[in-house]
Amino acid sequence: MSKAIIAKKIGMTQIFAEDGRVIPVTVLEAGPCPVVQVKTEETDGYAALKLGFGYIASKGKKQDEKHEYLNYGISRPDYGQFRKAGVQPCKVLKEVRGVEGYKVGDELKADVFAAGERVDVSGVSKGHGFTGVIKRWNQHRLKETHGVGPVHREPGSMGSISDPSRVFKHKHLAGQYGVENVTVQNLEVVRVDVARNAILVKGAIPGPKGSVVTLKSSVKQ
């Protein structure tokens, strides 16, 4: 059965295996994630769970029923979904496909995964701003000899002048680098700490510290 959970990236560290090997791991604060909605093939055409992450405490200000969502700092439609499910509002609301076996109100914690399991981790990569072709596409510099400069870090030729007299689409040029949806597949779960809601995944995952990622059972074992 496919499993999933929403987590926050805490950072990287290293642990020691029983045989003395050093394992680089990423520490994730996984859950608790309440189930806000269950989608099935009969009602929605596909199986999925809508999960929340990061409970929000009410500000306690006096609001009428129509404006109660203002106490939680979320939109009215999102607040309506939490209210319908009878779940405390959360900062994050995400849908994860292909996960079954839960009902509205259930709470997913770090123990949904166990050490040794394989997961796919999806997140938004770090943003690097507007960068050149060397950093963005790993191109090499032009020759640093007489007659070449001062264009050592430029992309080079754009193509023929007469035909096609234009730059082809998708040519590797300078531009925005990062802030893309990235999935790293088949990572190993090294350790699960239920008391701290922590999952330690071997290797690096997308995104900066504090970013929200999704862990799902690996599709490529």
C-alpha atoms as a PDB file:
ATOM      1  CA  MET A   1       0.000   0.000   0.000  1.00  0.00           C
ATOM      2  CA  SER A   2       1.283   3.454  -0.907  1.00  0.00           C
ATOM      3  CA  LYS A   3       1.963   5.770   2.048  1.00  0.00           C
ATOM      4  CA  ALA A   4       2.667   9.495   2.289  1.00  0.00           C
ATOM      5  CA  ILE A   5       3.223  12.324   4.759  1.00  0.00           C
ATOM      6  CA  ILE A   6       4.026  16.036   4.714  1.00  0.00           C
ATOM      7  CA  ALA A   7       7.207  17.184   6.445  1.00  0.00           C
ATOM      8  CA  LYS A   8       9.405  20.215   7.074  1.00  0.00           C
ATOM      9  CA  LYS A   9      13.104  20.178   6.260  1.00  0.00           C
ATOM     10  CA  ILE A  10      15.133  20.854   9.414  1.00  0.00           C
ATOM     11  CA  GLY A  11      18.637  20.423   8.007  1.00  0.00           C
ATOM     12  CA  MET A  12      21.399  17.899   7.410  1.00  0.00           C
ATOM     13  CA  THR A  13      23.630  15.975   9.792  1.00  0.00           C
ATOM     14  CA  GLN A  14      25.356  12.613   9.972  1.00  0.00           C
ATOM     15  CA  ILE A  15      24.849   9.457  12.013  1.00  0.00           C
ATOM     16  CA  PHE A  16      26.907   6.335  12.539  1.00  0.00           C
ATOM     17  CA  ALA A  17      25.733   2.899  11.466  1.00  0.00           C
ATOM     18  CA  GLU A  18      26.336  -0.199  13.573  1.00  0.00           C
ATOM     19  CA  ASP A  19      29.320  -1.148  11.401  1.00  0.00           C
ATOM     20  CA  GLY A  20      30.898   2.292  11.901  1.00  0.00           C
ATOM     21  CA  ARG A  21      29.942   3.810   8.540  1.00  0.00           C
ATOM     22  CA  VAL A  22      29.087   7.508   8.514  1.00  0.00           C
ATOM     23  CA  ILE A  23      25.706   8.155   6.859  1.00  0.00           C
ATOM     24  CA  PRO A  24      24.768  11.692   5.746  1.00  0.00           C
ATOM     25  CA  VAL A  25      21.071  12.275   6.493  1.00  0.00           C
ATOM     26  CA  THR A  26      18.448  14.977   6.141  1.00  0.00           C
ATOM     27  CA  VAL A  27      16.315  15.521   9.246  1.00  0.00           C
ATOM     28  CA  LEU A  28      12.603  16.031   8.576  1.00  0.00           C
ATOM     29  CA  GLU A  29       9.860  17.030  10.981  1.00  0.00           C
ATOM     30  CA  ALA A  30       7.134  14.702   9.689  1.00  0.00           C
ATOM     31  CA  GLY A  31       3.559  15.334  10.769  1.00  0.00           C
ATOM     32  CA  PRO A  32       1.293  15.133  12.547  1.00  0.00           C
ATOM     33  CA  CYS A  33      -0.858  15.394   9.408  1.00  0.00           C
ATOM     34  CA  PRO A  34      -4.646  15.216   9.822  1.00  0.00           C
ATOM     35  CA  VAL A  35      -6.716  13.786   6.976  1.00  0.00           C
ATOM     36  CA  VAL A  36      -9.010  16.600   5.795  1.00  0.00           C
ATOM     37  CA  GLN A  37     -10.604  14.858   2.793  1.00  0.00           C
ATOM     38  CA  VAL A  38     -10.627  11.386   1.253  1.00  0.00           C
ATOM     39  CA  LYS A  39     -11.069  11.138  -2.516  1.00  0.00           C
ATOM     40  CA  THR A  40     -12.068   7.841  -4.144  1.00  0.00           C
ATOM     41  CA  GLU A  41     -12.399   6.590  -7.693  1.00  0.00           C
ATOM     42  CA  GLU A  42     -16.168   6.301  -7.272  1.00  0.00           C
ATOM     43  CA  THR A  43     -16.714   9.937  -6.282  1.00  0.00           C
ATOM     44  CA  ASP A  44     -13.730  11.804  -7.767  1.00  0.00           C
ATOM     45  CA  GLY A  45     -12.283   9.500 -10.418  1.00  0.00           C
ATOM     46  CA  TYR A  46      -9.032   8.886  -8.540  1.00  0.00           C
ATOM     47  CA  ALA A  47      -7.807   7.944  -5.063  1.00  0.00           C
ATOM     48  CA  ALA A  48      -6.141  10.647  -2.974  1.00  0.00           C
ATOM     49  CA  LEU A  49      -5.858  12.147   0.487  1.00  0.00           C
ATOM     50  CA  LYS A  50      -5.935  15.830   1.358  1.00  0.00           C
ATOM     51  CA  LEU A  51      -3.578  16.331   4.295  1.00  0.00           C
ATOM     52  CA  GLY A  52      -2.919  19.249   6.609  1.00  0.00           C
ATOM     53  CA  PHE A  53       0.385  20.108   8.276  1.00  0.00           C
ATOM     54  CA  GLY A  54       1.315  22.607  10.973  1.00  0.00           C
ATOM     55  CA  TYR A  55      -1.572  23.262  13.337  1.00  0.00           C
ATOM     56  CA  ILE A  56      -2.601  26.913  13.811  1.00  0.00           C
ATOM     57  CA  ALA A  57      -3.832  28.235  17.157  1.00  0.00           C
ATOM     58  CA  SER A  58      -6.730  30.671  17.083  1.00  0.00           C
ATOM     59  CA  LYS A  59      -5.976  34.310  17.923  1.00  0.00           C
ATOM     60  CA  GLY A  60      -9.104  34.311  20.079  1.00  0.00           C
ATOM     61  CA  LYS A  61     -10.512  37.569  18.743  1.00  0.00           C
ATOM     62  CA  LYS A  62     -14.263  38.006  18.704  1.00  0.00           C
ATOM     63  CA  GLN A  63     -15.485  37.227  15.197  1.00  0.00           C
ATOM     64  CA  ASP A  64     -18.860  36.284  13.854  1.00  0.00           C
ATOM     65  CA  GLU A  65     -19.228  32.865  12.270  1.00  0.00           C
ATOM     66  CA  LYS A  66     -18.714  34.278   8.790  1.00  0.00           C
ATOM     67  CA  HIS A  67     -15.316  35.782   9.644  1.00  0.00           C
ATOM     68  CA  GLU A  68     -13.952  33.162  12.035  1.00  0.00           C
ATOM     69  CA  TYR A  69     -11.275  32.246   9.447  1.00  0.00           C
ATOM     70  CA  LEU A  70      -9.514  35.555  10.217  1.00  0.00           C
ATOM     71  CA  ASN A  71      -8.462  34.165  13.588  1.00  0.00           C
ATOM     72  CA  TYR A  72      -6.360  31.530  11.789  1.00  0.00           C
ATOM     73  CA  GLY A  73      -4.799  33.647   9.053  1.00  0.00           C
ATOM     74  CA  ILE A  74      -5.950  31.369   6.235  1.00  0.00           C
ATOM     75  CA  SER A  75      -8.393  31.806   3.370  1.00  0.00           C
ATOM     76  CA  ARG A  76     -12.125  31.279   3.837  1.00  0.00           C
ATOM     77  CA  PRO A  77     -12.284  28.281   1.432  1.00  0.00           C
ATOM     78  CA  ASP A  78      -9.454  26.492   3.271  1.00  0.00           C
ATOM     79  CA  TYR A  79     -11.057  27.206   6.630  1.00  0.00           C
ATOM     80  CA  GLY A  80     -14.320  25.771   5.281  1.00  0.00           C
ATOM     81  CA  GLN A  81     -12.585  22.498   4.415  1.00  0.00           C
ATOM     82  CA  PHE A  82     -11.061  22.157   7.877  1.00  0.00           C
ATOM     83  CA  ARG A  83     -14.362  23.026   9.510  1.00  0.00           C
ATOM     84  CA  LYS A  84     -16.284  20.484   7.436  1.00  0.00           C
ATOM     85  CA  ALA A  85     -13.794  17.770   8.374  1.00  0.00           C
ATOM     86  CA  GLY A  86     -13.846  18.748  12.061  1.00  0.00           C
ATOM     87  CA  VAL A  87     -10.065  19.264  12.001  1.00  0.00           C
ATOM     88  CA  GLN A  88      -8.042  22.071  13.565  1.00  0.00           C
ATOM     89  CA  PRO A  89      -6.845  24.455  10.795  1.00  0.00           C
ATOM     90  CA  CYS A  90      -3.294  23.992   9.490  1.00  0.00           C
ATOM     91  CA  LYS A  91      -0.789  26.182   7.670  1.00  0.00           C
ATOM     92  CA  VAL A  92      -0.325  23.699   4.826  1.00  0.00           C
ATOM     93  CA  LEU A  93      -3.028  21.842   2.895  1.00  0.00           C
ATOM     94  CA  LYS A  94      -1.838  19.394   0.225  1.00  0.00           C
ATOM     95  CA  GLU A  95      -3.315  16.579  -1.820  1.00  0.00           C
ATOM     96  CA  VAL A  96      -1.413  13.314  -2.194  1.00  0.00           C
ATOM     97  CA  ARG A  97      -2.572  10.872  -4.853  1.00  0.00           C
ATOM     98  CA  GLY A  98      -2.612   7.102  -4.727  1.00  0.00           C
ATOM     99  CA  VAL A  99      -2.954   6.809  -0.938  1.00  0.00           C
ATOM    100  CA  GLU A 100      -5.851   4.820   0.508  1.00  0.00           C
ATOM    101  CA  GLY A 101      -6.921   3.167   3.741  1.00  0.00           C
ATOM    102  CA  TYR A 102      -7.605   6.261   5.863  1.00  0.00           C
ATOM    103  CA  LYS A 103     -10.691   8.213   6.850  1.00  0.00           C
ATOM    104  CA  VAL A 104     -11.359  11.875   7.594  1.00  0.00           C
ATOM    105  CA  GLY A 105     -10.000  12.846  11.000  1.00  0.00           C
ATOM    106  CA  ASP A 106      -7.180  10.293  11.074  1.00  0.00           C
ATOM    107  CA  GLU A 107      -3.766  11.669  11.997  1.00  0.00           C
ATOM    108  CA  LEU A 108      -0.644  10.537  10.158  1.00  0.00           C
ATOM    109  CA  LYS A 109       2.597  10.617  12.141  1.00  0.00           C
ATOM    110  CA  ALA A 110       6.215   9.752  11.468  1.00  0.00           C
ATOM    111  CA  ASP A 111       5.602   6.076  12.194  1.00  0.00           C
ATOM    112  CA  VAL A 112       3.799   5.621   8.859  1.00  0.00           C
ATOM    113  CA  PHE A 113       7.319   4.894   7.548  1.00  0.00           C
ATOM    114  CA  ALA A 114       9.906   2.568   9.053  1.00  0.00           C
ATOM    115  CA  ALA A 115      13.681   2.342   8.821  1.00  0.00           C
ATOM    116  CA  GLY A 116      14.790   0.639   5.623  1.00  0.00           C
ATOM    117  CA  GLU A 117      11.838   1.755   3.502  1.00  0.00           C
ATOM    118  CA  ARG A 118      12.321   3.672   0.250  1.00  0.00           C
ATOM    119  CA  VAL A 119      10.614   7.007  -0.397  1.00  0.00           C
ATOM    120  CA  ASP A 120      10.304   9.681  -3.075  1.00  0.00           C
ATOM    121  CA  VAL A 121      10.745  13.226  -1.721  1.00  0.00           C
ATOM    122  CA  SER A 122       9.178  16.165  -3.577  1.00  0.00           C
ATOM    123  CA  GLY A 123       9.810  19.838  -2.858  1.00  0.00           C
ATOM    124  CA  VAL A 124      10.662  23.231  -4.331  1.00  0.00           C
ATOM    125  CA  SER A 125      14.369  23.691  -5.026  1.00  0.00           C
ATOM    126  CA  LYS A 126      16.426  26.590  -3.702  1.00  0.00           C
ATOM    127  CA  GLY A 127      16.204  29.862  -5.603  1.00  0.00           C
ATOM    128  CA  HIS A 128      19.446  31.292  -7.011  1.00  0.00           C
ATOM    129  CA  GLY A 129      18.017  34.306  -8.809  1.00  0.00           C
ATOM    130  CA  PHE A 130      19.115  35.341 -12.314  1.00  0.00           C
ATOM    131  CA  THR A 131      22.281  33.385 -13.135  1.00  0.00           C
ATOM    132  CA  GLY A 132      24.521  32.891 -16.147  1.00  0.00           C
ATOM    133  CA  VAL A 133      24.936  29.788 -18.282  1.00  0.00           C
ATOM    134  CA  ILE A 134      27.940  28.484 -16.326  1.00  0.00           C
ATOM    135  CA  LYS A 135      26.074  28.212 -13.028  1.00  0.00           C
ATOM    136  CA  ARG A 136      22.672  27.448 -14.523  1.00  0.00           C
ATOM    137  CA  TRP A 137      23.623  24.861 -17.180  1.00  0.00           C
ATOM    138  CA  ASN A 138      27.161  23.855 -16.134  1.00  0.00           C
ATOM    139  CA  GLN A 139      28.712  25.168 -19.350  1.00  0.00           C
ATOM    140  CA  HIS A 140      32.446  25.801 -19.524  1.00  0.00           C
ATOM    141  CA  ARG A 141      34.145  29.124 -20.140  1.00  0.00           C
ATOM    142  CA  LEU A 142      35.439  30.239 -23.516  1.00  0.00           C
ATOM    143  CA  LYS A 143      39.182  30.204 -24.168  1.00  0.00           C
ATOM    144  CA  GLU A 144      41.061  32.818 -22.192  1.00  0.00           C
ATOM    145  CA  THR A 145      43.392  33.730 -25.029  1.00  0.00           C
ATOM    146  CA  HIS A 146      43.954  36.938 -26.997  1.00  0.00           C
ATOM    147  CA  GLY A 147      41.047  37.822 -29.227  1.00  0.00           C
ATOM    148  CA  VAL A 148      38.385  36.044 -27.161  1.00  0.00           C
ATOM    149  CA  GLY A 149      37.694  38.416 -24.291  1.00  0.00           C
ATOM    150  CA  PRO A 150      36.027  40.029 -22.609  1.00  0.00           C
ATOM    151  CA  VAL A 151      33.297  37.379 -23.115  1.00  0.00           C
ATOM    152  CA  HIS A 152      34.787  34.403 -21.267  1.00  0.00           C
ATOM    153  CA  ARG A 153      31.552  33.587 -19.392  1.00  0.00           C
ATOM    154  CA  GLU A 154      29.061  34.302 -22.183  1.00  0.00           C
ATOM    155  CA  PRO A 155      27.010  31.547 -23.871  1.00  0.00           C
ATOM    156  CA  GLY A 156      28.736  31.739 -27.256  1.00  0.00           C
ATOM    157  CA  SER A 157      27.156  31.531 -30.691  1.00  0.00           C
ATOM    158  CA  MET A 158      23.382  31.907 -31.004  1.00  0.00           C
ATOM    159  CA  GLY A 159      23.264  30.169 -34.428  1.00  0.00           C
ATOM    160  CA  SER A 160      23.515  31.036 -38.101  1.00  0.00           C
ATOM    161  CA  ILE A 161      22.734  34.553 -39.320  1.00  0.00           C
ATOM    162  CA  SER A 162      21.094  33.717 -42.664  1.00  0.00           C
ATOM    163  CA  ASP A 163      19.252  30.532 -41.780  1.00  0.00           C
ATOM    164  CA  PRO A 164      17.260  30.181 -39.562  1.00  0.00           C
ATOM    165  CA  SER A 165      17.915  33.831 -38.565  1.00  0.00           C
ATOM    166  CA  ARG A 166      16.567  33.226 -35.080  1.00  0.00           C
ATOM    167  CA  VAL A 167      17.429  31.550 -31.801  1.00  0.00           C
ATOM    168  CA  PHE A 168      15.824  28.138 -31.343  1.00  0.00           C
ATOM    169  CA  LYS A 169      13.490  27.610 -28.413  1.00  0.00           C
ATOM    170  CA  HIS A 170      14.834  25.897 -25.293  1.00  0.00           C
ATOM    171  CA  LYS A 171      18.414  26.998 -25.962  1.00  0.00           C
ATOM    172  CA  HIS A 172      20.441  27.060 -22.775  1.00  0.00           C
ATOM    173  CA  LEU A 173      20.791  30.718 -21.845  1.00  0.00           C
ATOM    174  CA  ALA A 174      20.996  32.841 -18.717  1.00  0.00           C
ATOM    175  CA  GLY A 175      17.841  33.211 -16.638  1.00  0.00           C
ATOM    176  CA  GLN A 176      16.005  32.279 -13.443  1.00  0.00           C
ATOM    177  CA  TYR A 177      17.682  29.351 -11.719  1.00  0.00           C
ATOM    178  CA  GLY A 178      15.926  27.273  -9.062  1.00  0.00           C
ATOM    179  CA  VAL A 179      12.435  27.515  -7.478  1.00  0.00           C
ATOM    180  CA  GLU A 180      11.260  24.447  -9.407  1.00  0.00           C
ATOM    181  CA  ASN A 181       9.300  21.384  -8.345  1.00  0.00           C
ATOM    182  CA  VAL A 182      11.877  18.638  -7.905  1.00  0.00           C
ATOM    183  CA  THR A 183      11.442  14.990  -6.913  1.00  0.00           C
ATOM    184  CA  VAL A 184      14.330  12.837  -5.694  1.00  0.00           C
ATOM    185  CA  GLN A 185      13.445   9.166  -6.028  1.00  0.00           C
ATOM    186  CA  ASN A 186      14.301   6.018  -4.122  1.00  0.00           C
ATOM    187  CA  LEU A 187      15.840   7.511  -0.973  1.00  0.00           C
ATOM    188  CA  GLU A 188      16.320   5.316   2.074  1.00  0.00           C
ATOM    189  CA  VAL A 189      14.690   5.998   5.439  1.00  0.00           C
ATOM    190  CA  VAL A 190      17.543   5.517   7.908  1.00  0.00           C
ATOM    191  CA  ARG A 191      15.776   6.199  11.211  1.00  0.00           C
ATOM    192  CA  VAL A 192      12.337   7.174  12.549  1.00  0.00           C
ATOM    193  CA  ASP A 193      11.925   9.007  15.882  1.00  0.00           C
ATOM    194  CA  VAL A 194       8.223   8.863  16.770  1.00  0.00           C
ATOM    195  CA  ALA A 195       8.642  10.870  20.001  1.00  0.00           C
ATOM    196  CA  ARG A 196      10.077  13.833  18.085  1.00  0.00           C
ATOM    197  CA  ASN A 197       8.049  13.314  14.872  1.00  0.00           C
ATOM    198  CA  ALA A 198      11.354  13.030  13.004  1.00  0.00           C
ATOM    199  CA  ILE A 199      12.329  11.036   9.933  1.00  0.00           C
ATOM    200  CA  LEU A 200      15.982  10.767   8.883  1.00  0.00           C
ATOM    201  CA  VAL A 201      16.424  10.246   5.133  1.00  0.00           C
ATOM    202  CA  LYS A 202      19.750   9.284   3.603  1.00  0.00           C
ATOM    203  CA  GLY A 203      21.214  11.953   1.348  1.00  0.00           C
ATOM    204  CA  ALA A 204      20.055  15.401   0.281  1.00  0.00           C
ATOM    205  CA  ILE A 205      16.547  16.508  -0.676  1.00  0.00           C
ATOM    206  CA  PRO A 206      15.266  19.584  -2.549  1.00  0.00           C
ATOM    207  CA  GLY A 207      14.652  22.942  -0.880  1.00  0.00           C
ATOM    208  CA  PRO A 208      16.172  25.178   1.796  1.00  0.00           C
ATOM    209  CA  LYS A 209      15.857  24.695   5.551  1.00  0.00           C
ATOM    210  CA  GLY A 210      12.305  25.214   6.733  1.00  0.00           C
ATOM    211  CA  SER A 211      10.726  24.323   3.404  1.00  0.00           C
ATOM    212  CA  VAL A 212       7.799  21.908   3.166  1.00  0.00           C
ATOM    213  CA  VAL A 213       8.287  18.603   1.328  1.00  0.00           C
ATOM    214  CA  THR A 214       6.169  15.537   0.625  1.00  0.00           C
ATOM    215  CA  LEU A 215       7.323  11.987   1.338  1.00  0.00           C
ATOM    216  CA  LYS A 216       5.676   9.171  -0.588  1.00  0.00           C
ATOM    217  CA  SER A 217       6.362   5.470  -1.019  1.00  0.00           C
ATOM    218  CA  SER A 218       8.896   5.021  -3.814  1.00  0.00           C
ATOM    219  CA  VAL A 219       7.601   3.998  -7.232  1.00  0.00           C
ATOM    220  CA  LYS A 220      11.002   2.559  -8.216  1.00  0.00           C
ATOM    221  CA  GLN A 221      12.235   0.008  -5.723  1.00  0.00           C
END
